[in-house]
């Protein structure tokens, strides 16, 4: 058990250092979420109808989820690049556990996503974001966003393993960039056409966004948080064990 933890820590440090040396990854984690928040908060805020809520307050959770999906493309590409270059074969030859390799990439992805979320929230405050949630609510938000980030990063690891090229792995992650648009992230689902509304209400991004928004603005949570937790746990378990199986199969070839 101690060896697995040590291996995972070593792999996390390696993947995190790669991110620090990659200007594109740093740009995606900092500048891109800043401009997303600035764009949606200033350009679309004057034309969107979100009832009695301030549009800046309304869209912060959706921008965070979208930035998670975008930044996680680098996780997928890094995993795919390691597979294509034979680096994972080298890890196997020096007896590093399979799970440690995947956990290292996942952990680095979580750190990038946390940085993105911090940039978005800071930018939102500059644009007039005024959350109503208390200290306990923000603790729940932080824990929940880390869980969502783990889920998305594990999906990115799986996409990186099954893809034949880094570019292809980035393409597999593209739906995570689109899903926040077809959710409650930028407009209420009640304002959508019936077919799109049904999809928006059943896909995982909507309960995740609704949960964060309710905690930030001190709104009724309903059952959105429980639904979001089920989605996160289910997707995380499926992604992790599927990634282990595919990684083991490719390493044995």
C-alpha atoms as a PDB file:
ATOM      1  CA  UNK A   1       0.000   0.000   0.000  1.00  0.00           C
ATOM      2  CA  UNK A   2       2.821   2.392   0.915  1.00  0.00           C
ATOM      3  CA  UNK A   3       4.545   1.690  -2.409  1.00  0.00           C
ATOM      4  CA  UNK A   4       1.350   2.481  -4.352  1.00  0.00           C
ATOM      5  CA  UNK A   5       1.009   5.817  -2.546  1.00  0.00           C
ATOM      6  CA  UNK A   6       4.670   6.652  -3.165  1.00  0.00           C
ATOM      7  CA  UNK A   7       4.385   5.699  -6.851  1.00  0.00           C
ATOM      8  CA  UNK A   8       1.253   7.833  -7.228  1.00  0.00           C
ATOM      9  CA  UNK A   9       3.012  10.815  -5.614  1.00  0.00           C
ATOM     10  CA  UNK A  10       6.026  10.488  -7.906  1.00  0.00           C
ATOM     11  CA  UNK A  11       3.772  10.282 -10.973  1.00  0.00           C
ATOM     12  CA  UNK A  12       1.734  13.259  -9.813  1.00  0.00           C
ATOM     13  CA  UNK A  13       4.880  15.393  -9.405  1.00  0.00           C
ATOM     14  CA  UNK A  14       6.070  14.358 -12.874  1.00  0.00           C
ATOM     15  CA  UNK A  15       2.742  15.214 -14.525  1.00  0.00           C
ATOM     16  CA  UNK A  16       2.430  18.489 -12.629  1.00  0.00           C
ATOM     17  CA  UNK A  17       5.945  19.581 -13.622  1.00  0.00           C
ATOM     18  CA  UNK A  18       5.112  18.793 -17.252  1.00  0.00           C
ATOM     19  CA  UNK A  19       2.106  21.117 -16.930  1.00  0.00           C
ATOM     20  CA  UNK A  20       4.261  23.894 -15.480  1.00  0.00           C
ATOM     21  CA  UNK A  21       6.637  23.597 -18.432  1.00  0.00           C
ATOM     22  CA  UNK A  22       3.804  23.655 -20.955  1.00  0.00           C
ATOM     23  CA  UNK A  23       2.783  27.269 -21.759  1.00  0.00           C
ATOM     24  CA  UNK A  24      -0.335  26.091 -23.577  1.00  0.00           C
ATOM     25  CA  UNK A  25      -1.578  24.188 -20.530  1.00  0.00           C
ATOM     26  CA  UNK A  26      -0.946  27.173 -18.269  1.00  0.00           C
ATOM     27  CA  UNK A  27      -2.732  29.433 -20.749  1.00  0.00           C
ATOM     28  CA  UNK A  28      -5.729  27.099 -20.844  1.00  0.00           C
ATOM     29  CA  UNK A  29      -5.890  27.033 -17.047  1.00  0.00           C
ATOM     30  CA  UNK A  30      -5.624  30.797 -16.509  1.00  0.00           C
ATOM     31  CA  UNK A  31      -6.140  33.138 -19.453  1.00  0.00           C
ATOM     32  CA  UNK A  32      -8.894  31.157 -21.196  1.00  0.00           C
ATOM     33  CA  UNK A  33     -11.273  31.006 -18.182  1.00  0.00           C
ATOM     34  CA  UNK A  34     -10.621  34.710 -17.548  1.00  0.00           C
ATOM     35  CA  UNK A  35     -11.756  35.660 -21.056  1.00  0.00           C
ATOM     36  CA  UNK A  36     -14.692  33.227 -20.961  1.00  0.00           C
ATOM     37  CA  UNK A  37     -15.970  34.886 -17.811  1.00  0.00           C
ATOM     38  CA  UNK A  38     -15.335  38.335 -19.234  1.00  0.00           C
ATOM     39  CA  UNK A  39     -17.048  37.515 -22.542  1.00  0.00           C
ATOM     40  CA  UNK A  40     -20.204  35.931 -21.163  1.00  0.00           C
ATOM     41  CA  UNK A  41     -20.474  38.335 -18.267  1.00  0.00           C
ATOM     42  CA  UNK A  42     -20.273  41.495 -20.349  1.00  0.00           C
ATOM     43  CA  UNK A  43     -21.544  40.614 -23.834  1.00  0.00           C
ATOM     44  CA  UNK A  44     -24.423  38.274 -23.050  1.00  0.00           C
ATOM     45  CA  UNK A  45     -25.379  39.663 -19.650  1.00  0.00           C
ATOM     46  CA  UNK A  46     -27.453  42.439 -21.174  1.00  0.00           C
ATOM     47  CA  UNK A  47     -29.577  40.157 -23.369  1.00  0.00           C
ATOM     48  CA  UNK A  48     -30.070  36.998 -21.268  1.00  0.00           C
ATOM     49  CA  UNK A  49     -33.165  36.579 -19.104  1.00  0.00           C
ATOM     50  CA  UNK A  50     -32.506  34.695 -15.866  1.00  0.00           C
ATOM     51  CA  UNK A  51     -35.358  36.101 -13.820  1.00  0.00           C
ATOM     52  CA  UNK A  52     -34.453  37.975 -10.664  1.00  0.00           C
ATOM     53  CA  UNK A  53     -30.854  36.783 -10.625  1.00  0.00           C
ATOM     54  CA  UNK A  54     -27.826  38.781 -11.685  1.00  0.00           C
ATOM     55  CA  UNK A  55     -26.483  37.160 -14.868  1.00  0.00           C
ATOM     56  CA  UNK A  56     -22.919  37.157 -13.516  1.00  0.00           C
ATOM     57  CA  UNK A  57     -24.101  35.243 -10.462  1.00  0.00           C
ATOM     58  CA  UNK A  58     -26.062  32.854 -12.676  1.00  0.00           C
ATOM     59  CA  UNK A  59     -23.308  31.845 -15.105  1.00  0.00           C
ATOM     60  CA  UNK A  60     -20.317  31.307 -12.781  1.00  0.00           C
ATOM     61  CA  UNK A  61     -21.019  27.560 -12.257  1.00  0.00           C
ATOM     62  CA  UNK A  62     -21.495  26.970 -15.988  1.00  0.00           C
ATOM     63  CA  UNK A  63     -18.231  28.717 -16.865  1.00  0.00           C
ATOM     64  CA  UNK A  64     -16.422  26.627 -14.240  1.00  0.00           C
ATOM     65  CA  UNK A  65     -17.755  23.368 -15.682  1.00  0.00           C
ATOM     66  CA  UNK A  66     -16.890  24.441 -19.202  1.00  0.00           C
ATOM     67  CA  UNK A  67     -13.352  25.336 -18.164  1.00  0.00           C
ATOM     68  CA  UNK A  68     -12.971  21.916 -16.507  1.00  0.00           C
ATOM     69  CA  UNK A  69     -13.874  20.202 -19.758  1.00  0.00           C
ATOM     70  CA  UNK A  70     -11.576  22.422 -21.791  1.00  0.00           C
ATOM     71  CA  UNK A  71      -8.563  22.173 -19.472  1.00  0.00           C
ATOM     72  CA  UNK A  72      -8.946  18.391 -19.200  1.00  0.00           C
ATOM     73  CA  UNK A  73      -8.160  18.085 -22.896  1.00  0.00           C
ATOM     74  CA  UNK A  74      -4.531  18.469 -21.860  1.00  0.00           C
ATOM     75  CA  UNK A  75      -4.847  15.552 -19.468  1.00  0.00           C
ATOM     76  CA  UNK A  76      -6.117  13.371 -22.301  1.00  0.00           C
ATOM     77  CA  UNK A  77      -3.386  14.572 -24.643  1.00  0.00           C
ATOM     78  CA  UNK A  78      -0.637  14.006 -22.072  1.00  0.00           C
ATOM     79  CA  UNK A  79      -1.808  10.444 -21.423  1.00  0.00           C
ATOM     80  CA  UNK A  80      -2.081   9.713 -25.137  1.00  0.00           C
ATOM     81  CA  UNK A  81       1.362  11.212 -25.742  1.00  0.00           C
ATOM     82  CA  UNK A  82       2.895   8.997 -23.029  1.00  0.00           C
ATOM     83  CA  UNK A  83       1.265   5.955 -24.611  1.00  0.00           C
ATOM     84  CA  UNK A  84       2.387   6.878 -28.140  1.00  0.00           C
ATOM     85  CA  UNK A  85       6.001   7.588 -27.109  1.00  0.00           C
ATOM     86  CA  UNK A  86       6.348   4.356 -25.147  1.00  0.00           C
ATOM     87  CA  UNK A  87       6.844   6.166 -21.847  1.00  0.00           C
ATOM     88  CA  UNK A  88       4.198   4.029 -20.168  1.00  0.00           C
ATOM     89  CA  UNK A  89       6.075   0.927 -21.323  1.00  0.00           C
ATOM     90  CA  UNK A  90       9.137   2.299 -19.548  1.00  0.00           C
ATOM     91  CA  UNK A  91       7.114   2.786 -16.370  1.00  0.00           C
ATOM     92  CA  UNK A  92       5.951  -0.815 -16.597  1.00  0.00           C
ATOM     93  CA  UNK A  93       9.559  -2.014 -16.902  1.00  0.00           C
ATOM     94  CA  UNK A  94      10.529  -0.312 -13.624  1.00  0.00           C
ATOM     95  CA  UNK A  95       7.558  -1.751 -11.718  1.00  0.00           C
ATOM     96  CA  UNK A  96       5.486   1.395 -11.192  1.00  0.00           C
ATOM     97  CA  UNK A  97       1.901   0.375 -10.443  1.00  0.00           C
ATOM     98  CA  UNK A  98      -0.639   0.890 -13.220  1.00  0.00           C
ATOM     99  CA  UNK A  99      -2.999   2.817 -10.980  1.00  0.00           C
ATOM    100  CA  UNK A 100      -0.196   5.222  -9.957  1.00  0.00           C
ATOM    101  CA  UNK A 101       0.340   6.265 -13.579  1.00  0.00           C
ATOM    102  CA  UNK A 102      -3.356   7.044 -13.981  1.00  0.00           C
ATOM    103  CA  UNK A 103      -3.662   8.720 -10.584  1.00  0.00           C
ATOM    104  CA  UNK A 104      -0.682  10.952 -11.367  1.00  0.00           C
ATOM    105  CA  UNK A 105      -2.289  12.278 -14.556  1.00  0.00           C
ATOM    106  CA  UNK A 106      -5.632  12.647 -12.777  1.00  0.00           C
ATOM    107  CA  UNK A 107      -4.099  14.614  -9.902  1.00  0.00           C
ATOM    108  CA  UNK A 108      -2.306  17.020 -12.236  1.00  0.00           C
ATOM    109  CA  UNK A 109      -5.582  17.545 -14.102  1.00  0.00           C
ATOM    110  CA  UNK A 110      -7.379  18.325 -10.844  1.00  0.00           C
ATOM    111  CA  UNK A 111      -4.783  20.977  -9.948  1.00  0.00           C
ATOM    112  CA  UNK A 112      -5.191  22.640 -13.355  1.00  0.00           C
ATOM    113  CA  UNK A 113      -8.963  22.645 -12.927  1.00  0.00           C
ATOM    114  CA  UNK A 114      -8.752  24.129  -9.432  1.00  0.00           C
ATOM    115  CA  UNK A 115      -6.591  26.939 -10.815  1.00  0.00           C
ATOM    116  CA  UNK A 116      -9.173  27.546 -13.562  1.00  0.00           C
ATOM    117  CA  UNK A 117     -12.013  27.687 -11.035  1.00  0.00           C
ATOM    118  CA  UNK A 118     -10.098  30.169  -8.865  1.00  0.00           C
ATOM    119  CA  UNK A 119      -9.431  32.423 -11.866  1.00  0.00           C
ATOM    120  CA  UNK A 120     -13.097  32.330 -12.876  1.00  0.00           C
ATOM    121  CA  UNK A 121     -14.367  33.184  -9.402  1.00  0.00           C
ATOM    122  CA  UNK A 122     -11.841  36.005  -9.009  1.00  0.00           C
ATOM    123  CA  UNK A 123     -12.813  37.432 -12.408  1.00  0.00           C
ATOM    124  CA  UNK A 124     -16.492  37.123 -11.544  1.00  0.00           C
ATOM    125  CA  UNK A 125     -15.960  39.218  -8.395  1.00  0.00           C
ATOM    126  CA  UNK A 126     -14.390  41.931 -10.539  1.00  0.00           C
ATOM    127  CA  UNK A 127     -17.500  41.870 -12.762  1.00  0.00           C
ATOM    128  CA  UNK A 128     -19.946  42.146  -9.861  1.00  0.00           C
ATOM    129  CA  UNK A 129     -20.361  38.570  -8.610  1.00  0.00           C
ATOM    130  CA  UNK A 130     -21.966  38.669  -5.169  1.00  0.00           C
ATOM    131  CA  UNK A 131     -22.519  35.170  -3.705  1.00  0.00           C
ATOM    132  CA  UNK A 132     -24.851  34.719  -0.749  1.00  0.00           C
ATOM    133  CA  UNK A 133     -23.609  31.358   0.526  1.00  0.00           C
ATOM    134  CA  UNK A 134     -21.915  31.146   3.914  1.00  0.00           C
ATOM    135  CA  UNK A 135     -18.663  29.521   4.994  1.00  0.00           C
ATOM    136  CA  UNK A 136     -20.177  26.026   5.154  1.00  0.00           C
ATOM    137  CA  UNK A 137     -21.624  26.413   1.673  1.00  0.00           C
ATOM    138  CA  UNK A 138     -18.217  27.391   0.282  1.00  0.00           C
ATOM    139  CA  UNK A 139     -16.616  24.366   1.927  1.00  0.00           C
ATOM    140  CA  UNK A 140     -19.227  22.190   0.231  1.00  0.00           C
ATOM    141  CA  UNK A 141     -18.599  23.990  -3.074  1.00  0.00           C
ATOM    142  CA  UNK A 142     -14.854  23.410  -2.810  1.00  0.00           C
ATOM    143  CA  UNK A 143     -15.250  19.716  -2.013  1.00  0.00           C
ATOM    144  CA  UNK A 144     -17.844  19.207  -4.715  1.00  0.00           C
ATOM    145  CA  UNK A 145     -15.784  20.980  -7.390  1.00  0.00           C
ATOM    146  CA  UNK A 146     -12.781  18.799  -6.522  1.00  0.00           C
ATOM    147  CA  UNK A 147     -14.996  15.719  -6.910  1.00  0.00           C
ATOM    148  CA  UNK A 148     -16.294  16.950 -10.291  1.00  0.00           C
ATOM    149  CA  UNK A 149     -12.740  17.707 -11.345  1.00  0.00           C
ATOM    150  CA  UNK A 150     -11.625  14.193 -10.404  1.00  0.00           C
ATOM    151  CA  UNK A 151     -14.506  12.754 -12.440  1.00  0.00           C
ATOM    152  CA  UNK A 152     -13.698  14.813 -15.531  1.00  0.00           C
ATOM    153  CA  UNK A 153      -9.959  14.147 -15.199  1.00  0.00           C
ATOM    154  CA  UNK A 154     -10.581  10.384 -14.987  1.00  0.00           C
ATOM    155  CA  UNK A 155     -12.702  10.618 -18.131  1.00  0.00           C
ATOM    156  CA  UNK A 156      -9.820  12.483 -19.765  1.00  0.00           C
ATOM    157  CA  UNK A 157      -7.365   9.759 -18.718  1.00  0.00           C
ATOM    158  CA  UNK A 158      -9.637   7.116 -20.237  1.00  0.00           C
ATOM    159  CA  UNK A 159      -9.941   9.113 -23.479  1.00  0.00           C
ATOM    160  CA  UNK A 160      -6.166   9.478 -23.593  1.00  0.00           C
ATOM    161  CA  UNK A 161      -5.624   5.743 -23.179  1.00  0.00           C
ATOM    162  CA  UNK A 162      -8.122   4.609 -25.805  1.00  0.00           C
ATOM    163  CA  UNK A 163      -7.095   7.228 -28.386  1.00  0.00           C
ATOM    164  CA  UNK A 164      -4.423   6.466 -30.962  1.00  0.00           C
ATOM    165  CA  UNK A 165      -3.140  10.046 -31.149  1.00  0.00           C
ATOM    166  CA  UNK A 166      -3.008  13.050 -28.786  1.00  0.00           C
ATOM    167  CA  UNK A 167      -5.108  15.053 -31.240  1.00  0.00           C
ATOM    168  CA  UNK A 168      -7.722  12.298 -31.276  1.00  0.00           C
ATOM    169  CA  UNK A 169      -7.891  12.275 -27.479  1.00  0.00           C
ATOM    170  CA  UNK A 170      -8.590  16.005 -27.509  1.00  0.00           C
ATOM    171  CA  UNK A 171     -11.459  15.378 -29.920  1.00  0.00           C
ATOM    172  CA  UNK A 172     -12.930  12.745 -27.609  1.00  0.00           C
ATOM    173  CA  UNK A 173     -13.086  15.355 -24.848  1.00  0.00           C
ATOM    174  CA  UNK A 174     -14.922  17.882 -27.030  1.00  0.00           C
ATOM    175  CA  UNK A 175     -18.417  16.881 -25.786  1.00  0.00           C
ATOM    176  CA  UNK A 176     -17.446  18.117 -22.317  1.00  0.00           C
ATOM    177  CA  UNK A 177     -16.963  21.565 -23.863  1.00  0.00           C
ATOM    178  CA  UNK A 178     -20.415  21.418 -25.481  1.00  0.00           C
ATOM    179  CA  UNK A 179     -22.476  19.918 -22.630  1.00  0.00           C
ATOM    180  CA  UNK A 180     -22.420  23.048 -20.407  1.00  0.00           C
ATOM    181  CA  UNK A 181     -24.042  24.989 -23.257  1.00  0.00           C
ATOM    182  CA  UNK A 182     -26.892  22.441 -23.411  1.00  0.00           C
ATOM    183  CA  UNK A 183     -27.588  22.672 -19.697  1.00  0.00           C
ATOM    184  CA  UNK A 184     -28.725  25.185 -17.115  1.00  0.00           C
ATOM    185  CA  UNK A 185     -25.301  26.811 -17.245  1.00  0.00           C
ATOM    186  CA  UNK A 186     -26.149  29.875 -19.336  1.00  0.00           C
ATOM    187  CA  UNK A 187     -29.947  30.011 -19.540  1.00  0.00           C
ATOM    188  CA  UNK A 188     -32.678  28.354 -17.462  1.00  0.00           C
ATOM    189  CA  UNK A 189     -33.800  25.042 -18.957  1.00  0.00           C
ATOM    190  CA  UNK A 190     -37.400  26.324 -18.885  1.00  0.00           C
ATOM    191  CA  UNK A 191     -36.478  28.743 -21.685  1.00  0.00           C
ATOM    192  CA  UNK A 192     -35.282  25.957 -24.015  1.00  0.00           C
ATOM    193  CA  UNK A 193     -37.268  24.192 -26.763  1.00  0.00           C
ATOM    194  CA  UNK A 194     -38.934  21.017 -25.457  1.00  0.00           C
ATOM    195  CA  UNK A 195     -36.526  18.491 -27.039  1.00  0.00           C
ATOM    196  CA  UNK A 196     -33.400  20.315 -25.917  1.00  0.00           C
ATOM    197  CA  UNK A 197     -34.957  20.931 -22.494  1.00  0.00           C
ATOM    198  CA  UNK A 198     -35.448  17.193 -21.916  1.00  0.00           C
ATOM    199  CA  UNK A 199     -31.827  16.464 -22.808  1.00  0.00           C
ATOM    200  CA  UNK A 200     -30.567  19.375 -20.701  1.00  0.00           C
ATOM    201  CA  UNK A 201     -32.431  18.167 -17.634  1.00  0.00           C
ATOM    202  CA  UNK A 202     -31.192  14.552 -17.803  1.00  0.00           C
ATOM    203  CA  UNK A 203     -27.532  15.118 -18.699  1.00  0.00           C
ATOM    204  CA  UNK A 204     -25.030  15.283 -15.792  1.00  0.00           C
ATOM    205  CA  UNK A 205     -23.874  18.888 -16.171  1.00  0.00           C
ATOM    206  CA  UNK A 206     -27.247  20.360 -15.196  1.00  0.00           C
ATOM    207  CA  UNK A 207     -27.458  18.920 -11.641  1.00  0.00           C
ATOM    208  CA  UNK A 208     -23.762  19.715 -11.129  1.00  0.00           C
ATOM    209  CA  UNK A 209     -24.267  23.333 -12.184  1.00  0.00           C
ATOM    210  CA  UNK A 210     -27.547  23.668 -10.269  1.00  0.00           C
ATOM    211  CA  UNK A 211     -25.875  22.364  -7.097  1.00  0.00           C
ATOM    212  CA  UNK A 212     -22.975  24.829  -7.270  1.00  0.00           C
ATOM    213  CA  UNK A 213     -25.316  27.719  -8.096  1.00  0.00           C
ATOM    214  CA  UNK A 214     -27.665  26.895  -5.211  1.00  0.00           C
ATOM    215  CA  UNK A 215     -24.765  26.736  -2.737  1.00  0.00           C
ATOM    216  CA  UNK A 216     -23.208  29.948  -4.037  1.00  0.00           C
ATOM    217  CA  UNK A 217     -26.427  31.963  -4.034  1.00  0.00           C
ATOM    218  CA  UNK A 218     -28.095  30.321  -1.007  1.00  0.00           C
ATOM    219  CA  UNK A 219     -30.931  28.923  -3.144  1.00  0.00           C
ATOM    220  CA  UNK A 220     -32.930  25.734  -2.466  1.00  0.00           C
ATOM    221  CA  UNK A 221     -30.838  22.684  -3.360  1.00  0.00           C
ATOM    222  CA  UNK A 222     -33.662  20.237  -3.947  1.00  0.00           C
ATOM    223  CA  UNK A 223     -32.306  16.860  -5.039  1.00  0.00           C
ATOM    224  CA  UNK A 224     -29.763  18.258  -7.518  1.00  0.00           C
ATOM    225  CA  UNK A 225     -26.762  17.642  -5.243  1.00  0.00           C
ATOM    226  CA  UNK A 226     -27.643  13.974  -4.693  1.00  0.00           C
ATOM    227  CA  UNK A 227     -28.152  13.439  -8.421  1.00  0.00           C
ATOM    228  CA  UNK A 228     -24.853  15.180  -9.157  1.00  0.00           C
ATOM    229  CA  UNK A 229     -23.020  13.033  -6.576  1.00  0.00           C
ATOM    230  CA  UNK A 230     -24.433   9.850  -8.114  1.00  0.00           C
ATOM    231  CA  UNK A 231     -23.287  10.988 -11.561  1.00  0.00           C
ATOM    232  CA  UNK A 232     -19.802  11.829 -10.250  1.00  0.00           C
ATOM    233  CA  UNK A 233     -19.314   8.587  -8.348  1.00  0.00           C
ATOM    234  CA  UNK A 234     -20.703   6.455 -11.173  1.00  0.00           C
ATOM    235  CA  UNK A 235     -18.644   8.101 -13.908  1.00  0.00           C
ATOM    236  CA  UNK A 236     -15.504   8.075 -11.742  1.00  0.00           C
ATOM    237  CA  UNK A 237     -15.737   4.363 -10.976  1.00  0.00           C
ATOM    238  CA  UNK A 238     -16.513   3.406 -14.572  1.00  0.00           C
ATOM    239  CA  UNK A 239     -13.733   5.618 -15.958  1.00  0.00           C
ATOM    240  CA  UNK A 240     -11.120   4.416 -13.459  1.00  0.00           C
ATOM    241  CA  UNK A 241     -11.721   0.696 -13.856  1.00  0.00           C
ATOM    242  CA  UNK A 242     -12.151   0.978 -17.631  1.00  0.00           C
ATOM    243  CA  UNK A 243      -8.879   2.925 -17.836  1.00  0.00           C
ATOM    244  CA  UNK A 244      -7.091   0.273 -15.765  1.00  0.00           C
ATOM    245  CA  UNK A 245      -8.408  -2.506 -18.012  1.00  0.00           C
ATOM    246  CA  UNK A 246      -7.487  -0.760 -21.268  1.00  0.00           C
ATOM    247  CA  UNK A 247      -4.087   0.299 -19.909  1.00  0.00           C
ATOM    248  CA  UNK A 248      -3.332  -3.258 -18.802  1.00  0.00           C
ATOM    249  CA  UNK A 249      -4.405  -4.658 -22.165  1.00  0.00           C
ATOM    250  CA  UNK A 250      -2.259  -2.177 -24.134  1.00  0.00           C
ATOM    251  CA  UNK A 251       0.730  -2.673 -21.858  1.00  0.00           C
ATOM    252  CA  UNK A 252       0.558  -6.444 -22.439  1.00  0.00           C
ATOM    253  CA  UNK A 253       0.712  -6.115 -26.226  1.00  0.00           C
END
